[in-house]
Amino acid sequence: MKKLRIIFMGTPEFAVGILDTIYSNKHEIVGVITAPDRPAGRGQKLKLSAVKEYALSKGIPVLQPTNLKSESFLEELKALEANLQVVVAFRMLPAVVWQMPSLGTFNLHASLLPDYRGAAPINWAIINGETKSGVTTFFIDEKIDTGAIILKKELSISADETAGQLHDRLMHLGSEAVLETLDLIATNQVKLIEQPLEEIKTAYKLNKENCKIDWHQSALSIHNLVRGLSPYPAAWCFFVDGETEWNVKVLETQIETEEHSLPIGTIICTKKEMRIAVTKGYIKINKLQFPGKKPMLTADLLNGIQLSSEAQVK
């Protein structure tokens, strides 16, 4: 069995779960590479990445390069004498970095490659109504998420599961996949599977435009968009009532199939419930967030805001 000296590269909370699993299973982590500290909040205080906070708590050396090709960073990286690099939710690496360790550099991606290459695989799997997802480990190459596959692990997606819930389950599944991958590499049992070059489904970067609700779509498409963007960054739309317009985040919905003759986008409220008229039924909004307020259950919101019969979404 080969002795592994691992450098871990990652930034967000998803990566922390994987890093913790590697550390807790007594693998030697000689260093962590993560994003530079960034100003955040009203006070613009420097915020540490989730991975950096974890690494510091365990006494693991941390590097935070702004330029992955700089001579100083490459010298520091080489000095750690790693023979394997593990990448989870980081950035695209230059060849001089991913080619450095003798055993290679592998990435954990939160989809069943080749489907959903790209920045937001968890979100798009739900937005597109997939019934299964999973994780893939693969050796990095020149392109994004195209390298030779080491292994895949699959799970099912339930009908009302949110991106946040799937994120947490994939983090646990990813931890298992990384441990198995480390074992395969250490025992020289890796059997690679080359990926097809074509992309079938893509995990496009999320932006304001593709997070906006189109109320003329089917009820199922709207519901899938909401749960695929919940809790973050959240699907959104405008609530309009007379001269007042709010930019509202919609966080939890359910579908009610029922024939009606109301204009699409009509808001129907009782004291505790809110429904939006859509094609062949309604979208019932269970949780939402108005500007300047915290996320709230609809019943709680309606205690403080009254909408007229003319109110609509757009």
Protein backbone atom coordinates (compact mmCIF):
# COMPACT_ATOMS: atom_id res chain seq x y z
CA MET A 1 0.00 0.00 0.00
CA LYS A 2 1.30 3.43 -0.97
CA LYS A 3 1.73 6.07 1.75
CA LEU A 4 -0.45 9.04 0.79
CA ARG A 5 0.62 12.62 1.49
CA ILE A 6 -2.47 14.66 0.60
CA ILE A 7 -3.05 18.29 -0.27
CA PHE A 8 -6.74 19.22 -0.07
CA MET A 9 -8.18 22.06 -2.17
CA GLY A 10 -11.63 23.49 -1.47
CA THR A 11 -13.53 26.47 -0.11
CA PRO A 12 -17.25 26.10 0.88
CA GLU A 13 -19.10 24.11 3.52
CA PHE A 14 -19.60 21.19 1.11
CA ALA A 15 -15.83 20.73 0.98
CA VAL A 16 -15.50 20.82 4.77
CA GLY A 17 -17.50 17.62 5.17
CA ILE A 18 -15.14 15.82 2.79
CA LEU A 19 -12.02 17.28 4.43
CA ASP A 20 -13.26 16.22 7.86
CA THR A 21 -13.83 12.67 6.64
CA ILE A 22 -10.28 12.44 5.23
CA TYR A 23 -8.83 13.84 8.46
CA SER A 24 -10.98 11.67 10.73
CA ASN A 25 -9.86 8.55 8.87
CA LYS A 26 -6.23 9.27 9.77
CA HIS A 27 -5.00 10.13 6.30
CA GLU A 28 -2.01 12.46 6.28
CA ILE A 29 -3.03 15.94 5.08
CA VAL A 30 0.11 18.00 4.55
CA GLY A 31 -1.67 21.17 3.49
CA VAL A 32 -4.93 22.85 2.51
CA ILE A 33 -5.38 25.29 -0.39
CA THR A 34 -8.40 27.58 -0.17
CA ALA A 35 -9.69 30.95 -1.36
CA PRO A 36 -8.23 34.19 0.06
CA ASP A 37 -10.09 35.85 2.92
CA ARG A 38 -12.72 38.27 1.60
CA PRO A 39 -14.49 41.32 3.08
CA ALA A 40 -18.09 40.49 4.03
CA GLY A 41 -21.06 42.09 5.77
CA ARG A 42 -21.71 45.73 6.61
CA GLY A 43 -18.43 46.10 8.45
CA GLN A 44 -16.51 44.54 5.54
CA LYS A 45 -14.54 42.40 7.99
CA LEU A 46 -12.41 39.71 6.44
CA LYS A 47 -14.28 36.42 6.31
CA LEU A 48 -12.41 33.10 6.34
CA SER A 49 -13.56 30.29 4.07
CA ALA A 50 -15.26 27.36 5.77
CA VAL A 51 -12.35 25.14 4.75
CA LYS A 52 -9.77 27.53 6.24
CA GLU A 53 -11.62 27.66 9.56
CA TYR A 54 -11.66 23.87 9.72
CA ALA A 55 -7.99 23.50 8.73
CA LEU A 56 -6.86 26.02 11.34
CA SER A 57 -8.85 24.19 14.02
CA LYS A 58 -6.90 21.02 13.20
CA GLY A 59 -3.50 22.67 12.83
CA ILE A 60 -3.24 21.91 9.11
CA PRO A 61 -1.05 24.35 7.10
CA VAL A 62 -3.13 26.66 4.86
CA LEU A 63 -2.16 28.36 1.59
CA GLN A 64 -4.39 31.04 0.03
CA PRO A 65 -2.98 31.98 -3.37
CA THR A 66 -4.54 34.70 -5.48
CA ASN A 67 -2.55 33.50 -8.48
CA LEU A 68 -2.21 29.73 -8.89
CA LYS A 69 0.65 30.18 -11.37
CA SER A 70 2.83 32.46 -9.22
CA GLU A 71 6.35 31.21 -8.56
CA SER A 72 6.05 31.80 -4.81
CA PHE A 73 2.88 29.69 -4.55
CA LEU A 74 4.30 26.90 -6.71
CA GLU A 75 7.41 26.77 -4.54
CA GLU A 76 5.30 26.58 -1.36
CA LEU A 77 3.16 23.86 -2.93
CA LYS A 78 6.18 21.82 -3.99
CA ALA A 79 7.75 22.17 -0.54
CA LEU A 80 4.76 20.33 1.02
CA GLU A 81 5.95 17.20 -0.83
CA ALA A 82 2.47 15.82 -1.46
CA ASN A 83 2.04 12.85 -3.76
CA LEU A 84 -1.74 13.31 -4.22
CA GLN A 85 -4.11 16.27 -4.44
CA VAL A 86 -7.85 16.13 -3.69
CA VAL A 87 -10.07 18.91 -5.06
CA VAL A 88 -13.63 19.61 -3.88
CA ALA A 89 -15.54 22.77 -4.91
CA PHE A 90 -12.48 24.84 -5.72
CA ARG A 91 -11.45 26.60 -8.94
CA MET A 92 -9.96 25.53 -12.24
CA LEU A 93 -6.32 24.51 -11.76
CA PRO A 94 -3.47 25.24 -14.16
CA ALA A 95 -1.65 22.18 -15.50
CA VAL A 96 1.48 23.05 -13.52
CA VAL A 97 -0.54 22.51 -10.32
CA TRP A 98 -2.60 19.42 -11.13
CA GLN A 99 0.34 17.66 -12.74
CA MET A 100 2.65 18.23 -9.76
CA PRO A 101 1.93 15.21 -7.48
CA SER A 102 3.21 11.81 -8.59
CA LEU A 103 -0.14 10.09 -7.96
CA GLY A 104 -2.17 12.79 -9.67
CA THR A 105 -4.96 15.19 -8.72
CA PHE A 106 -8.55 14.01 -8.43
CA ASN A 107 -11.76 15.97 -8.11
CA LEU A 108 -15.07 15.15 -6.44
CA HIS A 109 -18.01 16.45 -8.48
CA ALA A 110 -21.60 16.47 -7.22
CA SER A 111 -23.21 14.80 -10.23
CA LEU A 112 -23.13 11.60 -12.22
CA LEU A 113 -20.68 12.69 -14.91
CA PRO A 114 -20.76 13.35 -17.81
CA ASP A 115 -24.14 14.89 -16.91
CA TYR A 116 -24.13 18.25 -15.15
CA ARG A 117 -20.58 19.38 -15.66
CA GLY A 118 -20.21 22.92 -14.38
CA ALA A 119 -20.82 25.23 -11.45
CA ALA A 120 -24.24 24.24 -10.05
CA PRO A 121 -24.89 20.50 -10.52
CA ILE A 122 -26.99 20.04 -7.39
CA ASN A 123 -29.35 22.87 -8.30
CA TRP A 124 -29.84 21.90 -11.94
CA ALA A 125 -30.52 18.24 -11.19
CA ILE A 126 -33.55 19.32 -9.14
CA ILE A 127 -34.58 22.18 -11.44
CA ASN A 128 -34.69 19.69 -14.32
CA GLY A 129 -36.78 17.22 -12.31
CA GLU A 130 -34.18 14.46 -12.09
CA THR A 131 -35.06 11.47 -9.93
CA LYS A 132 -31.45 10.49 -9.26
CA SER A 133 -28.12 12.17 -8.71
CA GLY A 134 -24.80 11.24 -7.17
CA VAL A 135 -21.11 12.00 -7.02
CA THR A 136 -18.15 11.23 -9.26
CA THR A 137 -14.42 11.19 -8.60
CA PHE A 138 -12.15 11.71 -11.58
CA PHE A 139 -8.58 12.69 -12.39
CA ILE A 140 -8.34 16.32 -13.49
CA ASP A 141 -7.33 17.14 -17.05
CA GLU A 142 -7.16 20.31 -19.20
CA LYS A 143 -10.92 20.89 -19.37
CA ILE A 144 -13.66 21.29 -16.76
CA ASP A 145 -15.09 18.05 -15.30
CA THR A 146 -14.00 15.92 -18.28
CA GLY A 147 -11.21 13.76 -16.80
CA ALA A 148 -11.11 9.97 -16.56
CA ILE A 149 -13.61 8.66 -13.99
CA ILE A 150 -12.38 6.70 -10.97
CA LEU A 151 -15.78 5.90 -9.44
CA LYS A 152 -19.42 7.00 -9.17
CA LYS A 153 -21.94 6.67 -6.35
CA GLU A 154 -25.68 7.20 -6.92
CA LEU A 155 -28.72 8.19 -4.86
CA SER A 156 -32.38 8.92 -5.56
CA ILE A 157 -33.97 12.38 -5.35
CA SER A 158 -37.38 12.58 -3.68
CA ALA A 159 -40.22 14.55 -5.26
CA ASP A 160 -40.09 17.50 -2.84
CA GLU A 161 -36.39 17.45 -1.91
CA THR A 162 -34.66 20.85 -1.95
CA ALA A 163 -31.18 21.70 -3.16
CA GLY A 164 -30.14 22.25 0.45
CA GLN A 165 -31.29 18.79 1.48
CA LEU A 166 -29.67 17.13 -1.54
CA HIS A 167 -26.46 19.10 -0.86
CA ASP A 168 -26.19 17.56 2.61
CA ARG A 169 -26.86 14.02 1.41
CA LEU A 170 -24.36 14.37 -1.44
CA MET A 171 -21.75 15.65 1.02
CA HIS A 172 -22.07 12.41 2.99
CA LEU A 173 -22.06 10.32 -0.17
CA GLY A 174 -19.07 12.30 -1.42
CA SER A 175 -17.18 11.53 1.77
CA GLU A 176 -17.68 7.82 1.13
CA ALA A 177 -16.60 8.21 -2.50
CA VAL A 178 -13.41 10.09 -1.58
CA LEU A 179 -12.43 7.49 1.02
CA GLU A 180 -12.97 4.68 -1.49
CA THR A 181 -10.98 6.60 -4.10
CA LEU A 182 -8.09 7.13 -1.69
CA ASP A 183 -8.07 3.40 -0.96
CA LEU A 184 -8.08 2.50 -4.67
CA ILE A 185 -5.16 4.84 -5.33
CA ALA A 186 -3.18 3.67 -2.30
CA THR A 187 -3.60 0.01 -3.30
CA ASN A 188 -3.05 0.64 -7.04
CA GLN A 189 -6.50 -0.72 -7.95
CA VAL A 190 -7.85 2.22 -9.96
CA LYS A 191 -9.61 1.21 -13.20
CA LEU A 192 -10.30 4.38 -15.14
CA ILE A 193 -13.35 5.02 -17.34
CA GLU A 194 -12.91 7.66 -20.04
CA GLN A 195 -15.72 10.21 -20.32
CA PRO A 196 -17.51 10.92 -23.59
CA LEU A 197 -16.66 14.42 -24.75
CA GLU A 198 -20.22 15.53 -25.47
CA GLU A 199 -22.33 17.08 -22.71
CA ILE A 200 -25.88 15.83 -22.34
CA LYS A 201 -27.02 18.10 -19.50
CA THR A 202 -25.15 21.16 -18.24
CA ALA A 203 -24.96 22.77 -14.79
CA TYR A 204 -24.91 26.40 -15.90
CA LYS A 205 -23.76 29.06 -13.48
CA LEU A 206 -26.74 30.50 -11.59
CA ASN A 207 -27.61 34.15 -12.13
CA LYS A 208 -30.51 36.54 -11.52
CA GLU A 209 -32.01 35.77 -14.90
CA ASN A 210 -32.21 31.96 -14.60
CA CYS A 211 -33.41 32.16 -10.99
CA LYS A 212 -36.49 34.26 -11.87
CA ILE A 213 -39.83 32.44 -11.86
CA ASP A 214 -41.77 32.37 -15.12
CA TRP A 215 -45.34 31.88 -13.95
CA HIS A 216 -46.43 30.84 -17.45
CA GLN A 217 -44.45 27.61 -17.16
CA SER A 218 -46.09 24.43 -15.89
CA ALA A 219 -46.77 24.08 -12.17
CA LEU A 220 -44.23 21.26 -11.98
CA SER A 221 -41.50 23.35 -13.64
CA ILE A 222 -42.14 26.22 -11.22
CA HIS A 223 -42.14 23.91 -8.20
CA ASN A 224 -38.89 22.29 -9.36
CA LEU A 225 -37.24 25.69 -9.85
CA VAL A 226 -38.20 26.76 -6.34
CA ARG A 227 -36.92 23.63 -4.63
CA GLY A 228 -33.83 23.55 -6.86
CA LEU A 229 -32.86 27.03 -5.64
CA SER A 230 -33.87 26.62 -1.99
CA PRO A 231 -32.52 27.81 0.36
CA TYR A 232 -29.90 29.56 -1.75
CA PRO A 233 -29.78 31.57 -3.97
CA ALA A 234 -33.62 31.27 -4.05
CA ALA A 235 -36.13 31.60 -6.86
CA TRP A 236 -37.63 35.07 -7.07
CA CYS A 237 -40.29 37.20 -8.74
CA PHE A 238 -42.08 40.52 -8.37
CA PHE A 239 -45.22 40.85 -6.27
CA VAL A 240 -47.28 43.78 -7.57
CA ASP A 241 -50.20 45.34 -5.72
CA GLY A 242 -51.38 48.66 -7.14
CA GLU A 243 -48.44 51.08 -7.10
CA THR A 244 -46.37 48.84 -4.80
CA GLU A 245 -43.89 46.30 -6.10
CA TRP A 246 -41.76 43.91 -4.06
CA ASN A 247 -38.87 41.68 -5.13
CA VAL A 248 -39.78 38.46 -3.30
CA LYS A 249 -37.86 35.22 -2.80
CA VAL A 250 -40.02 32.09 -2.95
CA LEU A 251 -38.58 29.31 -0.80
CA GLU A 252 -41.17 26.54 -0.49
CA THR A 253 -44.16 25.60 -2.66
CA GLN A 254 -46.58 22.83 -3.44
CA ILE A 255 -48.69 22.06 -6.49
CA GLU A 256 -52.50 22.13 -6.49
CA THR A 257 -54.05 20.79 -9.68
CA GLU A 258 -57.42 22.43 -10.36
CA GLU A 259 -59.14 23.95 -13.37
CA HIS A 260 -59.76 27.71 -13.15
CA SER A 261 -60.31 30.73 -15.39
CA LEU A 262 -58.12 33.23 -13.53
CA PRO A 263 -55.34 35.15 -15.28
CA ILE A 264 -51.91 33.54 -14.83
CA GLY A 265 -50.12 35.17 -11.90
CA THR A 266 -53.22 36.14 -9.90
CA ILE A 267 -52.53 36.03 -6.14
CA ILE A 268 -55.29 34.53 -3.99
CA CYS A 269 -54.94 34.98 -0.24
CA THR A 270 -56.86 33.85 2.81
CA LYS A 271 -55.76 34.76 6.34
CA LYS A 272 -53.26 31.91 6.34
CA GLU A 273 -52.69 30.77 2.76
CA MET A 274 -51.41 32.17 -0.51
CA ARG A 275 -51.90 30.64 -3.95
CA ILE A 276 -50.76 31.78 -7.37
CA ALA A 277 -52.83 30.93 -10.42
CA VAL A 278 -50.84 28.98 -13.01
CA THR A 279 -51.69 26.76 -15.98
CA LYS A 280 -54.02 23.93 -14.90
CA GLY A 281 -53.92 24.83 -11.22
CA TYR A 282 -52.20 26.78 -8.49
CA ILE A 283 -48.83 27.08 -6.81
CA LYS A 284 -49.34 27.28 -3.07
CA ILE A 285 -46.55 29.29 -1.44
CA ASN A 286 -45.64 27.92 1.98
CA LYS A 287 -42.49 29.95 2.70
CA LEU A 288 -41.15 33.20 1.24
CA GLN A 289 -39.02 36.24 1.97
CA PHE A 290 -40.02 39.85 1.44
CA PRO A 291 -37.32 42.55 1.09
CA GLY A 292 -35.74 43.48 4.41
CA LYS A 293 -37.40 40.59 6.23
CA LYS A 294 -36.28 37.13 7.26
CA PRO A 295 -37.65 34.02 5.52
CA MET A 296 -41.15 33.43 6.88
CA LEU A 297 -43.95 30.93 6.71
CA THR A 298 -46.73 32.38 4.57
CA ALA A 299 -49.21 32.31 7.45
CA ASP A 300 -46.86 34.46 9.56
CA LEU A 301 -46.27 36.91 6.73
CA LEU A 302 -49.98 37.35 6.10
CA ASN A 303 -50.41 38.47 9.70
CA GLY A 304 -48.46 41.62 8.82
CA ILE A 305 -49.08 42.20 5.10
CA GLN A 306 -52.47 42.48 3.42
CA LEU A 307 -52.70 42.12 -0.34
CA SER A 308 -55.66 43.37 -2.36
CA SER A 309 -57.71 41.26 -4.76
CA GLU A 310 -55.81 42.96 -7.59
CA ALA A 311 -52.40 41.65 -6.46
CA GLN A 312 -50.41 39.58 -8.93
CA VAL A 313 -46.96 38.19 -9.56
CA LYS A 314 -44.78 38.85 -12.57
